[in-house]
Amino acid sequence: MPPAKRKPRTYHPDKTRSAVLAQFAAVRKGVEGLTPEQLAAPTRLGDWTVRELAAHITMASSAVARGLAAAGSGKAELRPQDWPMTSAPYAEDIDAYVRELAAGNDLATLYAEAAQGLERSLAEHDGEALVANRTGHMTLADYLVTRTVELIVHTDDLNDAVPGLDIPYDRQALAACTRILADALATKAPGASTEVRIPPYAVVQCVEGPRHTRGTPPNVVETDPLTWIRLATGRLPWAEAVDGALVSASGERADLAELLPIMA
């Protein structure tokens, strides 16, 4: 029996807008307090320094204004759950752009300009406005959900790179980021034999196999939001998470190693 079609998840546009603004503000505040030595420190993102990572966050946030300006006419064809799997082909271009951006600009200026552009874009456009990105058009409401992924994932990268930084995670942004990456897994591996639980934000069914209908599912994966986000984006290997008891996985179809990362 084929798996039942999943009803597309919806996100409250006002809450998403507030979450993006709040998380960007938290990152901006954290970055403004960094010393030159901290900005020169390495990160877990290849050979990027903290400075380059911080510059990348302004690029990802400024993409809202750029995408609105470039959208033109057309229709939205890209869904939030599809977006995480579209970025890999552009990694080299992004890397080159970020290095140039970080080398040639003052971070405080980059953050001020990104904040102004983001606030102006959200004040002037409703959620149905089209945003162009490298892989297609999205509505502004949907595109902002993808910005929670950029902001939460890279907030975690900054906190990892700078001991004691502890930039907070906006709860709504963390929830949206967790959900979009969970939905991306279900899109990548459709099915209903395995239930992935990420309390308190998401539960999805995925992986081909016998469909579960009642009682406790035979294949269950459960973890916390930040662990899931690190797994889904390649920051944490599956085996390491399981061995460290960061993930519980029971059942013969509960091994997600071959499906991860979703976004790298």
C-alpha atoms as a PDB file:
ATOM      1  CA  MET A   1       0.000   0.000   0.000  1.00  0.00           C
ATOM      2  CA  PRO A   2       1.517   3.374  -0.962  1.00  0.00           C
ATOM      3  CA  PRO A   3       2.044   5.881   1.873  1.00  0.00           C
ATOM      4  CA  ALA A   4      -0.733   8.383   2.435  1.00  0.00           C
ATOM      5  CA  LYS A   5      -0.026  11.829   1.111  1.00  0.00           C
ATOM      6  CA  ARG A   6       1.224  14.195   3.777  1.00  0.00           C
ATOM      7  CA  LYS A   7      -0.615  17.439   4.195  1.00  0.00           C
ATOM      8  CA  PRO A   8       1.847  20.280   3.535  1.00  0.00           C
ATOM      9  CA  ARG A   9       2.967  21.980   6.706  1.00  0.00           C
ATOM     10  CA  THR A  10       1.975  25.592   7.122  1.00  0.00           C
ATOM     11  CA  TYR A  11       3.851  28.314   8.962  1.00  0.00           C
ATOM     12  CA  HIS A  12       2.315  31.386  10.557  1.00  0.00           C
ATOM     13  CA  PRO A  13       3.758  34.239   8.459  1.00  0.00           C
ATOM     14  CA  ASP A  14       3.767  36.851  11.213  1.00  0.00           C
ATOM     15  CA  LYS A  15       5.522  34.489  13.615  1.00  0.00           C
ATOM     16  CA  THR A  16       8.100  33.601  10.977  1.00  0.00           C
ATOM     17  CA  ARG A  17       8.792  37.268  10.247  1.00  0.00           C
ATOM     18  CA  SER A  18       9.255  38.005  13.942  1.00  0.00           C
ATOM     19  CA  ALA A  19      11.493  34.952  14.345  1.00  0.00           C
ATOM     20  CA  VAL A  20      13.789  35.944  11.486  1.00  0.00           C
ATOM     21  CA  LEU A  21      14.154  39.486  12.783  1.00  0.00           C
ATOM     22  CA  ALA A  22      14.753  38.282  16.345  1.00  0.00           C
ATOM     23  CA  GLN A  23      17.382  35.722  15.388  1.00  0.00           C
ATOM     24  CA  PHE A  24      19.208  38.137  13.107  1.00  0.00           C
ATOM     25  CA  ALA A  25      19.252  40.731  15.892  1.00  0.00           C
ATOM     26  CA  ALA A  26      20.670  38.164  18.316  1.00  0.00           C
ATOM     27  CA  VAL A  27      23.423  37.199  15.883  1.00  0.00           C
ATOM     28  CA  ARG A  28      24.234  40.848  15.174  1.00  0.00           C
ATOM     29  CA  LYS A  29      24.595  41.584  18.860  1.00  0.00           C
ATOM     30  CA  GLY A  30      26.863  38.581  19.351  1.00  0.00           C
ATOM     31  CA  VAL A  31      29.084  39.373  16.378  1.00  0.00           C
ATOM     32  CA  GLU A  32      29.480  43.031  17.373  1.00  0.00           C
ATOM     33  CA  GLY A  33      31.168  41.965  20.605  1.00  0.00           C
ATOM     34  CA  LEU A  34      33.784  39.719  18.995  1.00  0.00           C
ATOM     35  CA  THR A  35      37.465  40.616  19.213  1.00  0.00           C
ATOM     36  CA  PRO A  36      39.838  40.535  16.224  1.00  0.00           C
ATOM     37  CA  GLU A  37      41.329  37.343  17.650  1.00  0.00           C
ATOM     38  CA  GLN A  38      37.906  35.701  17.869  1.00  0.00           C
ATOM     39  CA  LEU A  39      37.012  36.786  14.337  1.00  0.00           C
ATOM     40  CA  ALA A  40      40.220  35.151  13.089  1.00  0.00           C
ATOM     41  CA  ALA A  41      39.445  31.837  14.816  1.00  0.00           C
ATOM     42  CA  PRO A  42      38.641  28.727  12.763  1.00  0.00           C
ATOM     43  CA  THR A  43      35.157  27.261  12.398  1.00  0.00           C
ATOM     44  CA  ARG A  44      33.854  23.776  11.630  1.00  0.00           C
ATOM     45  CA  LEU A  45      33.033  24.981   8.097  1.00  0.00           C
ATOM     46  CA  GLY A  46      36.143  23.976   6.214  1.00  0.00           C
ATOM     47  CA  ASP A  47      38.705  26.766   6.326  1.00  0.00           C
ATOM     48  CA  TRP A  48      36.245  29.582   6.974  1.00  0.00           C
ATOM     49  CA  THR A  49      37.117  31.842   9.873  1.00  0.00           C
ATOM     50  CA  VAL A  50      34.561  33.297  12.239  1.00  0.00           C
ATOM     51  CA  ARG A  51      34.755  36.518  10.234  1.00  0.00           C
ATOM     52  CA  GLU A  52      33.794  34.725   7.027  1.00  0.00           C
ATOM     53  CA  LEU A  53      30.993  32.880   8.783  1.00  0.00           C
ATOM     54  CA  ALA A  54      29.678  36.164  10.184  1.00  0.00           C
ATOM     55  CA  ALA A  55      29.816  37.731   6.717  1.00  0.00           C
ATOM     56  CA  HIS A  56      27.933  34.776   5.240  1.00  0.00           C
ATOM     57  CA  ILE A  57      25.052  35.364   7.652  1.00  0.00           C
ATOM     58  CA  THR A  58      24.629  38.901   6.304  1.00  0.00           C
ATOM     59  CA  MET A  59      24.642  37.516   2.762  1.00  0.00           C
ATOM     60  CA  ALA A  60      21.940  34.970   3.620  1.00  0.00           C
ATOM     61  CA  SER A  61      19.800  37.633   5.285  1.00  0.00           C
ATOM     62  CA  SER A  62      20.286  40.208   2.530  1.00  0.00           C
ATOM     63  CA  ALA A  63      19.083  37.572   0.058  1.00  0.00           C
ATOM     64  CA  VAL A  64      15.514  38.509   0.996  1.00  0.00           C
ATOM     65  CA  ALA A  65      15.819  42.012  -0.439  1.00  0.00           C
ATOM     66  CA  ARG A  66      17.870  40.820  -3.424  1.00  0.00           C
ATOM     67  CA  GLY A  67      15.379  38.072  -4.205  1.00  0.00           C
ATOM     68  CA  LEU A  68      12.399  40.399  -4.035  1.00  0.00           C
ATOM     69  CA  ALA A  69      14.095  42.840  -6.399  1.00  0.00           C
ATOM     70  CA  ALA A  70      15.011  40.097  -8.870  1.00  0.00           C
ATOM     71  CA  ALA A  71      11.746  38.154  -8.844  1.00  0.00           C
ATOM     72  CA  GLY A  72       9.940  39.806 -11.735  1.00  0.00           C
ATOM     73  CA  SER A  73       6.854  37.918 -12.869  1.00  0.00           C
ATOM     74  CA  GLY A  74       6.200  34.216 -12.549  1.00  0.00           C
ATOM     75  CA  LYS A  75       4.950  31.847  -9.919  1.00  0.00           C
ATOM     76  CA  ALA A  76       6.297  30.069  -6.874  1.00  0.00           C
ATOM     77  CA  GLU A  77       7.545  26.594  -7.763  1.00  0.00           C
ATOM     78  CA  LEU A  78       9.854  25.756  -4.850  1.00  0.00           C
ATOM     79  CA  ARG A  79       8.478  24.474  -1.538  1.00  0.00           C
ATOM     80  CA  PRO A  80      10.233  25.001   1.815  1.00  0.00           C
ATOM     81  CA  GLN A  81      10.829  21.247   2.262  1.00  0.00           C
ATOM     82  CA  ASP A  82      12.542  21.075  -1.141  1.00  0.00           C
ATOM     83  CA  TRP A  83      14.874  24.003  -0.528  1.00  0.00           C
ATOM     84  CA  PRO A  84      17.429  22.293   1.801  1.00  0.00           C
ATOM     85  CA  MET A  85      18.366  19.857  -0.967  1.00  0.00           C
ATOM     86  CA  THR A  86      19.023  22.520  -3.610  1.00  0.00           C
ATOM     87  CA  SER A  87      22.046  24.413  -2.276  1.00  0.00           C
ATOM     88  CA  ALA A  88      24.923  21.944  -2.737  1.00  0.00           C
ATOM     89  CA  PRO A  89      25.637  22.730  -6.423  1.00  0.00           C
ATOM     90  CA  TYR A  90      26.270  26.374  -5.541  1.00  0.00           C
ATOM     91  CA  ALA A  91      28.725  25.807  -2.675  1.00  0.00           C
ATOM     92  CA  GLU A  92      31.797  26.974  -4.611  1.00  0.00           C
ATOM     93  CA  ASP A  93      30.115  30.163  -5.811  1.00  0.00           C
ATOM     94  CA  ILE A  94      28.898  30.932  -2.307  1.00  0.00           C
ATOM     95  CA  ASP A  95      32.354  30.294  -0.871  1.00  0.00           C
ATOM     96  CA  ALA A  96      34.024  32.675  -3.319  1.00  0.00           C
ATOM     97  CA  TYR A  97      31.438  35.390  -2.734  1.00  0.00           C
ATOM     98  CA  VAL A  98      31.694  35.117   1.052  1.00  0.00           C
ATOM     99  CA  ARG A  99      35.491  35.349   1.043  1.00  0.00           C
ATOM    100  CA  GLU A 100      35.338  38.514  -1.041  1.00  0.00           C
ATOM    101  CA  LEU A 101      32.585  39.946   1.124  1.00  0.00           C
ATOM    102  CA  ALA A 102      34.480  39.274   4.359  1.00  0.00           C
ATOM    103  CA  ALA A 103      37.775  40.611   3.053  1.00  0.00           C
ATOM    104  CA  GLY A 104      36.470  43.853   1.613  1.00  0.00           C
ATOM    105  CA  ASN A 105      33.867  45.075   4.090  1.00  0.00           C
ATOM    106  CA  ASP A 106      33.417  46.145   7.672  1.00  0.00           C
ATOM    107  CA  LEU A 107      31.223  43.654   9.527  1.00  0.00           C
ATOM    108  CA  ALA A 108      29.325  46.317  11.442  1.00  0.00           C
ATOM    109  CA  THR A 109      28.413  47.994   8.151  1.00  0.00           C
ATOM    110  CA  LEU A 110      27.366  44.683   6.606  1.00  0.00           C
ATOM    111  CA  TYR A 111      25.080  43.935   9.536  1.00  0.00           C
ATOM    112  CA  ALA A 112      23.572  47.428   9.568  1.00  0.00           C
ATOM    113  CA  GLU A 113      22.835  47.258   5.840  1.00  0.00           C
ATOM    114  CA  ALA A 114      21.404  43.728   6.102  1.00  0.00           C
ATOM    115  CA  ALA A 115      19.165  44.744   9.001  1.00  0.00           C
ATOM    116  CA  GLN A 116      17.856  47.793   7.161  1.00  0.00           C
ATOM    117  CA  GLY A 117      17.193  45.818   3.989  1.00  0.00           C
ATOM    118  CA  LEU A 118      15.439  43.035   5.851  1.00  0.00           C
ATOM    119  CA  GLU A 119      13.225  45.362   7.860  1.00  0.00           C
ATOM    120  CA  ARG A 120      12.322  47.420   4.797  1.00  0.00           C
ATOM    121  CA  SER A 121      11.539  44.321   2.732  1.00  0.00           C
ATOM    122  CA  LEU A 122       9.210  42.923   5.371  1.00  0.00           C
ATOM    123  CA  ALA A 123       7.473  46.256   5.829  1.00  0.00           C
ATOM    124  CA  GLU A 124       6.867  46.759   2.093  1.00  0.00           C
ATOM    125  CA  HIS A 125       5.840  43.243   0.977  1.00  0.00           C
ATOM    126  CA  ASP A 126       3.251  40.727   2.044  1.00  0.00           C
ATOM    127  CA  GLY A 127       3.784  36.993   2.239  1.00  0.00           C
ATOM    128  CA  GLU A 128       2.590  36.350  -1.321  1.00  0.00           C
ATOM    129  CA  ALA A 129       5.339  38.465  -2.894  1.00  0.00           C
ATOM    130  CA  LEU A 130       7.728  36.443  -5.062  1.00  0.00           C
ATOM    131  CA  VAL A 131      11.369  35.939  -4.109  1.00  0.00           C
ATOM    132  CA  ALA A 132      13.907  34.697  -6.666  1.00  0.00           C
ATOM    133  CA  ASN A 133      16.762  32.480  -5.551  1.00  0.00           C
ATOM    134  CA  ARG A 134      19.280  30.292  -7.355  1.00  0.00           C
ATOM    135  CA  THR A 135      16.936  27.354  -7.799  1.00  0.00           C
ATOM    136  CA  GLY A 136      13.558  28.930  -8.391  1.00  0.00           C
ATOM    137  CA  HIS A 137      10.888  31.255  -7.055  1.00  0.00           C
ATOM    138  CA  MET A 138       9.261  31.078  -3.644  1.00  0.00           C
ATOM    139  CA  THR A 139       6.701  33.190  -1.891  1.00  0.00           C
ATOM    140  CA  LEU A 140       8.172  35.561   0.665  1.00  0.00           C
ATOM    141  CA  ALA A 141       6.337  33.687   3.425  1.00  0.00           C
ATOM    142  CA  ASP A 142       8.007  30.425   2.400  1.00  0.00           C
ATOM    143  CA  TYR A 143      11.400  31.988   1.761  1.00  0.00           C
ATOM    144  CA  LEU A 144      11.470  33.414   5.268  1.00  0.00           C
ATOM    145  CA  VAL A 145      11.115  29.883   6.603  1.00  0.00           C
ATOM    146  CA  THR A 146      14.363  29.021   4.815  1.00  0.00           C
ATOM    147  CA  ARG A 147      16.022  32.020   6.479  1.00  0.00           C
ATOM    148  CA  THR A 148      15.344  30.446   9.884  1.00  0.00           C
ATOM    149  CA  VAL A 149      17.484  27.524   8.730  1.00  0.00           C
ATOM    150  CA  GLU A 150      20.334  29.812   7.686  1.00  0.00           C
ATOM    151  CA  LEU A 151      20.146  31.793  10.916  1.00  0.00           C
ATOM    152  CA  ILE A 152      19.754  28.922  13.372  1.00  0.00           C
ATOM    153  CA  VAL A 153      22.352  26.669  11.729  1.00  0.00           C
ATOM    154  CA  HIS A 154      24.934  29.447  11.579  1.00  0.00           C
ATOM    155  CA  THR A 155      24.129  30.674  15.077  1.00  0.00           C
ATOM    156  CA  ASP A 156      25.062  27.173  16.183  1.00  0.00           C
ATOM    157  CA  ASP A 157      28.237  27.352  14.084  1.00  0.00           C
ATOM    158  CA  LEU A 158      29.209  30.636  15.761  1.00  0.00           C
ATOM    159  CA  ASN A 159      28.531  29.278  19.231  1.00  0.00           C
ATOM    160  CA  ASP A 160      30.658  26.237  18.419  1.00  0.00           C
ATOM    161  CA  ALA A 161      33.541  28.356  17.113  1.00  0.00           C
ATOM    162  CA  VAL A 162      33.647  30.924  19.931  1.00  0.00           C
ATOM    163  CA  PRO A 163      33.584  29.404  23.422  1.00  0.00           C
ATOM    164  CA  GLY A 164      31.298  31.339  25.733  1.00  0.00           C
ATOM    165  CA  LEU A 165      29.562  33.289  22.964  1.00  0.00           C
ATOM    166  CA  ASP A 166      26.174  31.641  23.597  1.00  0.00           C
ATOM    167  CA  ILE A 167      24.010  33.540  21.116  1.00  0.00           C
ATOM    168  CA  PRO A 168      20.430  32.570  22.058  1.00  0.00           C
ATOM    169  CA  TYR A 169      18.131  30.624  19.744  1.00  0.00           C
ATOM    170  CA  ASP A 170      14.758  32.235  19.163  1.00  0.00           C
ATOM    171  CA  ARG A 171      12.189  29.541  19.965  1.00  0.00           C
ATOM    172  CA  GLN A 172      10.039  30.162  16.891  1.00  0.00           C
ATOM    173  CA  ALA A 173      13.082  30.227  14.593  1.00  0.00           C
ATOM    174  CA  LEU A 174      14.379  27.009  16.129  1.00  0.00           C
ATOM    175  CA  ALA A 175      10.979  25.367  15.669  1.00  0.00           C
ATOM    176  CA  ALA A 176      10.712  26.378  12.002  1.00  0.00           C
ATOM    177  CA  CYS A 177      14.269  25.265  11.267  1.00  0.00           C
ATOM    178  CA  THR A 178      13.653  21.884  12.908  1.00  0.00           C
ATOM    179  CA  ARG A 179      10.411  21.351  11.005  1.00  0.00           C
ATOM    180  CA  ILE A 180      11.686  22.276   7.562  1.00  0.00           C
ATOM    181  CA  LEU A 181      14.644  19.896   7.910  1.00  0.00           C
ATOM    182  CA  ALA A 182      12.366  17.118   9.185  1.00  0.00           C
ATOM    183  CA  ASP A 183      10.009  17.651   6.263  1.00  0.00           C
ATOM    184  CA  ALA A 184      12.991  17.605   3.904  1.00  0.00           C
ATOM    185  CA  LEU A 185      13.902  14.147   5.227  1.00  0.00           C
ATOM    186  CA  ALA A 186      10.356  12.926   4.578  1.00  0.00           C
ATOM    187  CA  THR A 187      10.565  14.385   1.061  1.00  0.00           C
ATOM    188  CA  LYS A 188      13.940  12.766   0.394  1.00  0.00           C
ATOM    189  CA  ALA A 189      12.870   9.362   1.746  1.00  0.00           C
ATOM    190  CA  PRO A 190       9.081   9.103   1.321  1.00  0.00           C
ATOM    191  CA  GLY A 191       7.331   6.334   3.182  1.00  0.00           C
ATOM    192  CA  ALA A 192       5.750   5.507   6.512  1.00  0.00           C
ATOM    193  CA  SER A 193       7.831   2.745   8.057  1.00  0.00           C
ATOM    194  CA  THR A 194       9.945   4.977  10.313  1.00  0.00           C
ATOM    195  CA  GLU A 195       8.815   7.711  12.655  1.00  0.00           C
ATOM    196  CA  VAL A 196      11.264  10.505  13.430  1.00  0.00           C
ATOM    197  CA  ARG A 197      10.454  12.442  16.574  1.00  0.00           C
ATOM    198  CA  ILE A 198      12.075  15.762  17.426  1.00  0.00           C
ATOM    199  CA  PRO A 199      10.179  17.010  20.465  1.00  0.00           C
ATOM    200  CA  PRO A 200       8.684  19.448  21.016  1.00  0.00           C
ATOM    201  CA  TYR A 201       8.642  20.637  17.402  1.00  0.00           C
ATOM    202  CA  ALA A 202       8.275  17.884  14.827  1.00  0.00           C
ATOM    203  CA  VAL A 203       7.227  14.318  14.072  1.00  0.00           C
ATOM    204  CA  VAL A 204       7.484  12.912  10.547  1.00  0.00           C
ATOM    205  CA  GLN A 205       7.123   9.510   8.949  1.00  0.00           C
ATOM    206  CA  CYS A 206       9.539   8.451   6.236  1.00  0.00           C
ATOM    207  CA  VAL A 207      11.407   5.532   4.603  1.00  0.00           C
ATOM    208  CA  GLU A 208       9.803   2.929   2.374  1.00  0.00           C
ATOM    209  CA  GLY A 209       8.518  -0.236   4.000  1.00  0.00           C
ATOM    210  CA  PRO A 210       5.530  -1.611   5.889  1.00  0.00           C
ATOM    211  CA  ARG A 211       3.195   1.183   6.836  1.00  0.00           C
ATOM    212  CA  HIS A 212       2.479   1.686  10.517  1.00  0.00           C
ATOM    213  CA  THR A 213      -1.177   2.300  11.426  1.00  0.00           C
ATOM    214  CA  ARG A 214      -1.599   2.015  15.200  1.00  0.00           C
ATOM    215  CA  GLY A 215       0.256   1.598  18.476  1.00  0.00           C
ATOM    216  CA  THR A 216       3.993   2.108  18.875  1.00  0.00           C
ATOM    217  CA  PRO A 217       5.762   2.265  15.484  1.00  0.00           C
ATOM    218  CA  PRO A 218       8.289  -0.554  14.869  1.00  0.00           C
ATOM    219  CA  ASN A 219      10.980   1.912  13.759  1.00  0.00           C
ATOM    220  CA  VAL A 220      11.481   5.053  15.816  1.00  0.00           C
ATOM    221  CA  VAL A 221      14.174   7.726  15.852  1.00  0.00           C
ATOM    222  CA  GLU A 222      14.120  10.409  18.511  1.00  0.00           C
ATOM    223  CA  THR A 223      16.439  13.289  19.276  1.00  0.00           C
ATOM    224  CA  ASP A 224      16.461  16.933  20.360  1.00  0.00           C
ATOM    225  CA  PRO A 225      16.189  19.890  17.953  1.00  0.00           C
ATOM    226  CA  LEU A 226      19.830  21.005  17.910  1.00  0.00           C
ATOM    227  CA  THR A 227      21.126  17.453  17.511  1.00  0.00           C
ATOM    228  CA  TRP A 228      18.700  16.939  14.635  1.00  0.00           C
ATOM    229  CA  ILE A 229      19.786  20.176  12.967  1.00  0.00           C
ATOM    230  CA  ARG A 230      23.459  19.160  13.270  1.00  0.00           C
ATOM    231  CA  LEU A 231      22.707  15.735  11.805  1.00  0.00           C
ATOM    232  CA  ALA A 232      20.628  17.148   8.960  1.00  0.00           C
ATOM    233  CA  THR A 233      23.321  19.658   7.965  1.00  0.00           C
ATOM    234  CA  GLY A 234      26.363  17.421   8.282  1.00  0.00           C
ATOM    235  CA  ARG A 235      27.731  18.966  11.450  1.00  0.00           C
ATOM    236  CA  LEU A 236      27.376  15.696  13.379  1.00  0.00           C
ATOM    237  CA  PRO A 237      27.848  12.165  11.997  1.00  0.00           C
ATOM    238  CA  TRP A 238      25.001   9.719  12.615  1.00  0.00           C
ATOM    239  CA  ALA A 239      27.236   7.076  14.248  1.00  0.00           C
ATOM    240  CA  GLU A 240      28.722   9.627  16.638  1.00  0.00           C
ATOM    241  CA  ALA A 241      25.276  10.842  17.661  1.00  0.00           C
ATOM    242  CA  VAL A 242      24.037   7.292  18.290  1.00  0.00           C
ATOM    243  CA  ASP A 243      27.189   6.250  20.157  1.00  0.00           C
ATOM    244  CA  GLY A 244      26.955   9.376  22.306  1.00  0.00           C
ATOM    245  CA  ALA A 245      23.299   8.682  23.170  1.00  0.00           C
ATOM    246  CA  LEU A 246      22.253  11.918  21.480  1.00  0.00           C
ATOM    247  CA  VAL A 247      19.879   9.891  19.309  1.00  0.00           C
ATOM    248  CA  SER A 248      17.755   6.880  20.166  1.00  0.00           C
ATOM    249  CA  ALA A 249      17.065   4.612  17.190  1.00  0.00           C
ATOM    250  CA  SER A 250      15.070   1.381  17.417  1.00  0.00           C
ATOM    251  CA  GLY A 251      14.012  -0.946  14.606  1.00  0.00           C
ATOM    252  CA  GLU A 252      15.659  -2.288  11.459  1.00  0.00           C
ATOM    253  CA  ARG A 253      14.685   0.786   9.435  1.00  0.00           C
ATOM    254  CA  ALA A 254      15.756   3.321  12.068  1.00  0.00           C
ATOM    255  CA  ASP A 255      19.304   3.762  10.754  1.00  0.00           C
ATOM    256  CA  LEU A 256      19.303   7.103   8.906  1.00  0.00           C
ATOM    257  CA  ALA A 257      23.035   7.155   8.144  1.00  0.00           C
ATOM    258  CA  GLU A 258      22.549   6.752   4.385  1.00  0.00           C
ATOM    259  CA  LEU A 259      19.988   9.576   4.261  1.00  0.00           C
ATOM    260  CA  LEU A 260      22.067  12.176   6.093  1.00  0.00           C
ATOM    261  CA  PRO A 261      23.045  14.892   5.726  1.00  0.00           C
ATOM    262  CA  ILE A 262      20.075  16.428   3.986  1.00  0.00           C
ATOM    263  CA  MET A 263      21.690  19.821   3.568  1.00  0.00           C
ATOM    264  CA  ALA A 264      25.449  20.147   3.362  1.00  0.00           C
END
